[in-house]
PDB file of N, CA and C in Angstrom:
ATOM      1  N   MET A   1       4.409 -41.436  88.649  1.00  0.00           N
ATOM      2  CA  MET A   1       3.861 -41.669  87.344  1.00  0.00           C
ATOM      3  C   MET A   1       4.584 -42.863  86.723  1.00  0.00           C
ATOM      4  N   ASP A   2       3.883 -43.994  86.607  1.00  0.00           N
ATOM      5  CA  ASP A   2       4.489 -45.193  86.046  1.00  0.00           C
ATOM      6  C   ASP A   2       4.567 -45.148  84.523  1.00  0.00           C
ATOM      7  N   LYS A   3       3.431 -44.975  83.912  1.00  0.00           N
ATOM      8  CA  LYS A   3       3.378 -44.969  82.449  1.00  0.00           C
ATOM      9  C   LYS A   3       2.746 -43.668  81.979  1.00  0.00           C
ATOM     10  N   ALA A   4       3.432 -42.994  81.099  1.00  0.00           N
ATOM     11  CA  ALA A   4       2.898 -41.764  80.531  1.00  0.00           C
ATOM     12  C   ALA A   4       2.176 -42.109  79.226  1.00  0.00           C
ATOM     13  N   GLU A   5       0.911 -41.751  79.153  1.00  0.00           N
ATOM     14  CA  GLU A   5       0.146 -42.007  77.940  1.00  0.00           C
ATOM     15  C   GLU A   5       0.463 -40.918  76.920  1.00  0.00           C
ATOM     16  N   PRO A   6       0.585 -41.318  75.672  1.00  0.00           N
ATOM     17  CA  PRO A   6       0.819 -40.294  74.651  1.00  0.00           C
ATOM     18  C   PRO A   6      -0.387 -39.360  74.527  1.00  0.00           C
ATOM     19  N   ARG A   7      -0.150 -38.185  74.047  1.00  0.00           N
ATOM     20  CA  ARG A   7      -1.201 -37.185  73.956  1.00  0.00           C
ATOM     21  C   ARG A   7      -2.242 -37.512  72.892  1.00  0.00           C
ATOM     22  N   ASN A   8      -1.859 -38.280  71.911  1.00  0.00           N
ATOM     23  CA  ASN A   8      -2.747 -38.496  70.774  1.00  0.00           C
ATOM     24  C   ASN A   8      -3.505 -39.819  70.843  1.00  0.00           C
ATOM     25  N   VAL A   9      -3.766 -40.319  72.025  1.00  0.00           N
ATOM     26  CA  VAL A   9      -4.496 -41.575  72.178  1.00  0.00           C
ATOM     27  C   VAL A   9      -5.922 -41.423  71.647  1.00  0.00           C
ATOM     28  N   GLY A  10      -6.558 -40.320  71.932  1.00  0.00           N
ATOM     29  CA  GLY A  10      -7.936 -40.103  71.494  1.00  0.00           C
ATOM     30  C   GLY A  10      -8.074 -40.071  69.991  1.00  0.00           C
ATOM     31  N   ILE A  11      -7.176 -39.384  69.338  1.00  0.00           N
ATOM     32  CA  ILE A  11      -7.241 -39.293  67.883  1.00  0.00           C
ATOM     33  C   ILE A  11      -6.963 -40.646  67.241  1.00  0.00           C
ATOM     34  N   LYS A  12      -6.051 -41.407  67.842  1.00  0.00           N
ATOM     35  CA  LYS A  12      -5.762 -42.743  67.317  1.00  0.00           C
ATOM     36  C   LYS A  12      -6.973 -43.655  67.458  1.00  0.00           C
ATOM     37  N   LEU A  13      -7.704 -43.528  68.541  1.00  0.00           N
ATOM     38  CA  LEU A  13      -8.916 -44.323  68.721  1.00  0.00           C
ATOM     39  C   LEU A  13      -9.996 -43.931  67.712  1.00  0.00           C
ATOM     40  N   LEU A  14     -10.119 -42.640  67.444  1.00  0.00           N
ATOM     41  CA  LEU A  14     -11.085 -42.199  66.431  1.00  0.00           C
ATOM     42  C   LEU A  14     -10.738 -42.776  65.062  1.00  0.00           C
ATOM     43  N   ILE A  15      -9.467 -42.746  64.720  1.00  0.00           N
ATOM     44  CA  ILE A  15      -9.028 -43.274  63.428  1.00  0.00           C
ATOM     45  C   ILE A  15      -9.254 -44.781  63.371  1.00  0.00           C
ATOM     46  N   LYS A  16      -8.944 -45.466  64.441  1.00  0.00           N
ATOM     47  CA  LYS A  16      -9.123 -46.919  64.488  1.00  0.00           C
ATOM     48  C   LYS A  16     -10.594 -47.284  64.315  1.00  0.00           C
ATOM     49  N   ASN A  17     -11.466 -46.570  65.007  1.00  0.00           N
ATOM     50  CA  ASN A  17     -12.898 -46.830  64.889  1.00  0.00           C
ATOM     51  C   ASN A  17     -13.415 -46.478  63.503  1.00  0.00           C
ATOM     52  N   GLY A  18     -12.895 -45.410  62.921  1.00  0.00           N
ATOM     53  CA  GLY A  18     -13.299 -45.027  61.568  1.00  0.00           C
ATOM     54  C   GLY A  18     -12.905 -46.077  60.546  1.00  0.00           C
ATOM     55  N   LYS A  19     -11.696 -46.626  60.694  1.00  0.00           N
ATOM     56  CA  LYS A  19     -11.259 -47.689  59.788  1.00  0.00           C
ATOM     57  C   LYS A  19     -12.139 -48.917  59.937  1.00  0.00           C
ATOM     58  N   LYS A  20     -12.512 -49.216  61.175  1.00  0.00           N
ATOM     59  CA  LYS A  20     -13.367 -50.382  61.432  1.00  0.00           C
ATOM     60  C   LYS A  20     -14.744 -50.194  60.787  1.00  0.00           C
ATOM     61  N   LYS A  21     -15.286 -48.981  60.880  1.00  0.00           N
ATOM     62  CA  LYS A  21     -16.593 -48.701  60.280  1.00  0.00           C
ATOM     63  C   LYS A  21     -16.541 -48.754  58.761  1.00  0.00           C
ATOM     64  N   PHE A  22     -15.422 -48.345  58.182  1.00  0.00           N
ATOM     65  CA  PHE A  22     -15.296 -48.316  56.724  1.00  0.00           C
ATOM     66  C   PHE A  22     -15.026 -49.707  56.157  1.00  0.00           C
ATOM     67  N   ARG A  23     -14.454 -50.592  56.957  1.00  0.00           N
ATOM     68  CA  ARG A  23     -14.047 -51.916  56.498  1.00  0.00           C
ATOM     69  C   ARG A  23     -15.236 -52.877  56.504  1.00  0.00           C
ATOM     70  N   ILE A  24     -16.141 -52.679  55.551  1.00  0.00           N
ATOM     71  CA  ILE A  24     -17.280 -53.577  55.396  1.00  0.00           C
ATOM     72  C   ILE A  24     -17.142 -54.290  54.056  1.00  0.00           C
ATOM     73  N   ALA A  25     -17.854 -55.382  53.906  1.00  0.00           N
ATOM     74  CA  ALA A  25     -17.736 -56.207  52.699  1.00  0.00           C
ATOM     75  C   ALA A  25     -18.047 -55.414  51.431  1.00  0.00           C
ATOM     76  N   GLU A  26     -19.005 -54.530  51.526  1.00  0.00           N
ATOM     77  CA  GLU A  26     -19.400 -53.716  50.381  1.00  0.00           C
ATOM     78  C   GLU A  26     -18.228 -52.874  49.871  1.00  0.00           C
ATOM     79  N   ASN A  27     -17.491 -52.253  50.776  1.00  0.00           N
ATOM     80  CA  ASN A  27     -16.349 -51.425  50.378  1.00  0.00           C
ATOM     81  C   ASN A  27     -15.156 -52.273  49.963  1.00  0.00           C
ATOM     82  N   LEU A  28     -14.947 -53.386  50.647  1.00  0.00           N
ATOM     83  CA  LEU A  28     -13.800 -54.239  50.330  1.00  0.00           C
ATOM     84  C   LEU A  28     -13.896 -54.826  48.926  1.00  0.00           C
ATOM     85  N   SER A  29     -15.089 -55.172  48.507  1.00  0.00           N
ATOM     86  CA  SER A  29     -15.235 -55.768  47.177  1.00  0.00           C
ATOM     87  C   SER A  29     -15.352 -54.718  46.077  1.00  0.00           C
ATOM     88  N   PHE A  30     -15.683 -53.492  46.433  1.00  0.00           N
ATOM     89  CA  PHE A  30     -15.899 -52.457  45.429  1.00  0.00           C
ATOM     90  C   PHE A  30     -14.598 -51.799  44.967  1.00  0.00           C
ATOM     91  N   TYR A  31     -13.714 -51.472  45.897  1.00  0.00           N
ATOM     92  CA  TYR A  31     -12.503 -50.708  45.601  1.00  0.00           C
ATOM     93  C   TYR A  31     -11.311 -51.610  45.293  1.00  0.00           C
ATOM     94  N   SER A  32     -10.416 -51.110  44.440  1.00  0.00           N
ATOM     95  CA  SER A  32      -9.112 -51.757  44.285  1.00  0.00           C
ATOM     96  C   SER A  32      -8.284 -51.386  45.519  1.00  0.00           C
ATOM     97  N   LYS A  33      -7.131 -52.038  45.695  1.00  0.00           N
ATOM     98  CA  LYS A  33      -6.316 -51.746  46.889  1.00  0.00           C
ATOM     99  C   LYS A  33      -5.932 -50.283  46.972  1.00  0.00           C
ATOM    100  N   LYS A  34      -5.491 -49.747  45.848  1.00  0.00           N
ATOM    101  CA  LYS A  34      -5.045 -48.355  45.809  1.00  0.00           C
ATOM    102  C   LYS A  34      -6.210 -47.402  46.100  1.00  0.00           C
ATOM    103  N   ASP A  35      -7.327 -47.649  45.444  1.00  0.00           N
ATOM    104  CA  ASP A  35      -8.487 -46.785  45.640  1.00  0.00           C
ATOM    105  C   ASP A  35      -9.097 -46.945  47.028  1.00  0.00           C
ATOM    106  N   TYR A  36      -8.995 -48.148  47.588  1.00  0.00           N
ATOM    107  CA  TYR A  36      -9.520 -48.390  48.933  1.00  0.00           C
ATOM    108  C   TYR A  36      -8.802 -47.508  49.947  1.00  0.00           C
ATOM    109  N   LYS A  37      -7.482 -47.437  49.850  1.00  0.00           N
ATOM    110  CA  LYS A  37      -6.707 -46.615  50.791  1.00  0.00           C
ATOM    111  C   LYS A  37      -7.111 -45.144  50.678  1.00  0.00           C
ATOM    112  N   LYS A  38      -7.284 -44.668  49.434  1.00  0.00           N
ATOM    113  CA  LYS A  38      -7.689 -43.276  49.228  1.00  0.00           C
ATOM    114  C   LYS A  38      -9.074 -43.019  49.815  1.00  0.00           C
ATOM    115  N   ALA A  39      -9.998 -43.927  49.537  1.00  0.00           N
ATOM    116  CA  ALA A  39     -11.374 -43.752  50.014  1.00  0.00           C
ATOM    117  C   ALA A  39     -11.439 -43.826  51.539  1.00  0.00           C
ATOM    118  N   GLU A  40     -10.668 -44.741  52.123  1.00  0.00           N
ATOM    119  CA  GLU A  40     -10.642 -44.871  53.576  1.00  0.00           C
ATOM    120  C   GLU A  40     -10.100 -43.603  54.218  1.00  0.00           C
ATOM    121  N   LYS A  41      -9.047 -43.076  53.644  1.00  0.00           N
ATOM    122  CA  LYS A  41      -8.437 -41.852  54.167  1.00  0.00           C
ATOM    123  C   LYS A  41      -9.418 -40.678  54.082  1.00  0.00           C
ATOM    124  N   LYS A  42     -10.107 -40.582  52.954  1.00  0.00           N
ATOM    125  CA  LYS A  42     -11.073 -39.502  52.775  1.00  0.00           C
ATOM    126  C   LYS A  42     -12.243 -39.655  53.747  1.00  0.00           C
ATOM    127  N   TYR A  43     -12.696 -40.890  53.951  1.00  0.00           N
ATOM    128  CA  TYR A  43     -13.779 -41.161  54.904  1.00  0.00           C
ATOM    129  C   TYR A  43     -13.379 -40.728  56.308  1.00  0.00           C
ATOM    130  N   ILE A  44     -12.178 -41.086  56.701  1.00  0.00           N
ATOM    131  CA  ILE A  44     -11.720 -40.745  58.049  1.00  0.00           C
ATOM    132  C   ILE A  44     -11.599 -39.235  58.210  1.00  0.00           C
ATOM    133  N   LYS A  45     -11.086 -38.572  57.207  1.00  0.00           N
ATOM    134  CA  LYS A  45     -10.938 -37.106  57.286  1.00  0.00           C
ATOM    135  C   LYS A  45     -12.284 -36.411  57.402  1.00  0.00           C
ATOM    136  N   THR A  46     -13.225 -36.782  56.539  1.00  0.00           N
ATOM    137  CA  THR A  46     -14.489 -36.054  56.507  1.00  0.00           C
ATOM    138  C   THR A  46     -15.460 -36.519  57.580  1.00  0.00           C
ATOM    139  N   CYS A  47     -15.559 -37.809  57.762  1.00  0.00           N
ATOM    140  CA  CYS A  47     -16.576 -38.328  58.666  1.00  0.00           C
ATOM    141  C   CYS A  47     -16.117 -38.355  60.115  1.00  0.00           C
ATOM    142  N   VAL A  48     -15.019 -38.981  60.377  1.00  0.00           N
ATOM    143  CA  VAL A  48     -14.587 -39.184  61.752  1.00  0.00           C
ATOM    144  C   VAL A  48     -13.984 -37.907  62.335  1.00  0.00           C
ATOM    145  N   LEU A  49     -12.996 -37.349  61.669  1.00  0.00           N
ATOM    146  CA  LEU A  49     -12.313 -36.185  62.217  1.00  0.00           C
ATOM    147  C   LEU A  49     -13.116 -34.905  62.025  1.00  0.00           C
ATOM    148  N   GLY A  50     -13.877 -34.837  60.947  1.00  0.00           N
ATOM    149  CA  GLY A  50     -14.694 -33.649  60.694  1.00  0.00           C
ATOM    150  C   GLY A  50     -16.013 -33.660  61.423  1.00  0.00           C
ATOM    151  N   GLY A  51     -16.422 -34.825  61.910  1.00  0.00           N
ATOM    152  CA  GLY A  51     -17.674 -34.940  62.630  1.00  0.00           C
ATOM    153  C   GLY A  51     -18.905 -34.898  61.743  1.00  0.00           C
ATOM    154  N   ARG A  52     -18.757 -35.266  60.483  1.00  0.00           N
ATOM    155  CA  ARG A  52     -19.886 -35.220  59.541  1.00  0.00           C
ATOM    156  C   ARG A  52     -20.324 -36.611  59.127  1.00  0.00           C
ATOM    157  N   CYS A  53     -20.527 -37.478  60.076  1.00  0.00           N
ATOM    158  CA  CYS A  53     -20.983 -38.842  59.769  1.00  0.00           C
ATOM    159  C   CYS A  53     -22.480 -38.888  59.593  1.00  0.00           C
TER     160      CYS A  53
END
Protein backbone atom coordinates (compact mmCIF):
# COMPACT_ATOMS: atom_id res chain seq x y z
CA MET A 1 0.00 0.00 0.00
CA ASP A 2 1.77 3.14 -1.24
CA LYS A 3 -0.71 5.86 -0.43
CA ALA A 4 -3.59 5.53 1.98
CA GLU A 5 -6.58 7.62 0.98
CA PRO A 6 -8.42 9.33 3.80
CA ARG A 7 -11.84 7.97 4.62
CA ASN A 8 -13.64 11.23 4.01
CA VAL A 9 -12.69 11.78 0.37
CA GLY A 10 -16.27 11.28 -0.79
CA ILE A 11 -17.75 13.78 1.61
CA LYS A 12 -15.09 16.33 0.71
CA LEU A 13 -15.95 15.93 -2.97
CA LEU A 14 -19.65 16.43 -2.23
CA ILE A 15 -18.87 19.61 -0.30
CA LYS A 16 -16.55 20.87 -3.04
CA ASN A 17 -19.18 20.28 -5.71
CA GLY A 18 -21.86 21.90 -3.56
CA LYS A 19 -19.73 25.01 -3.11
CA LYS A 20 -19.13 25.12 -6.86
CA LYS A 21 -22.88 24.90 -7.56
CA PHE A 22 -23.66 27.63 -5.03
CA ARG A 23 -20.94 29.98 -6.31
CA ILE A 24 -22.90 31.66 -9.10
CA ALA A 25 -23.00 35.35 -9.97
CA GLU A 26 -26.53 35.69 -8.65
CA ASN A 27 -25.52 34.53 -5.16
CA LEU A 28 -22.19 36.35 -5.14
CA SER A 29 -23.78 39.72 -5.82
CA PHE A 30 -26.77 39.17 -3.53
CA TYR A 31 -25.14 38.20 -0.21
CA SER A 32 -22.68 40.07 1.97
CA LYS A 33 -19.52 38.11 2.85
CA LYS A 34 -20.85 37.09 6.23
CA ASP A 35 -24.27 36.12 4.93
CA TYR A 36 -22.76 34.32 1.93
CA LYS A 37 -20.84 31.94 4.21
CA LYS A 38 -24.00 31.21 6.22
CA ALA A 39 -26.10 30.64 3.11
CA GLU A 40 -23.44 28.44 1.51
CA LYS A 41 -23.18 26.33 4.64
CA LYS A 42 -26.95 25.95 4.84
CA TYR A 43 -27.13 25.03 1.14
CA ILE A 44 -24.49 22.35 1.55
CA LYS A 45 -26.17 20.90 4.63
CA THR A 46 -29.66 20.72 3.17
CA CYS A 47 -29.05 20.17 -0.50
CA VAL A 48 -25.82 18.28 -0.90
CA LEU A 49 -25.54 16.28 2.31
CA GLY A 50 -29.28 15.91 2.86
CA GLY A 51 -29.94 14.92 -0.73
CA ARG A 52 -32.74 17.47 -1.18
CA CYS A 53 -31.53 19.33 -4.25
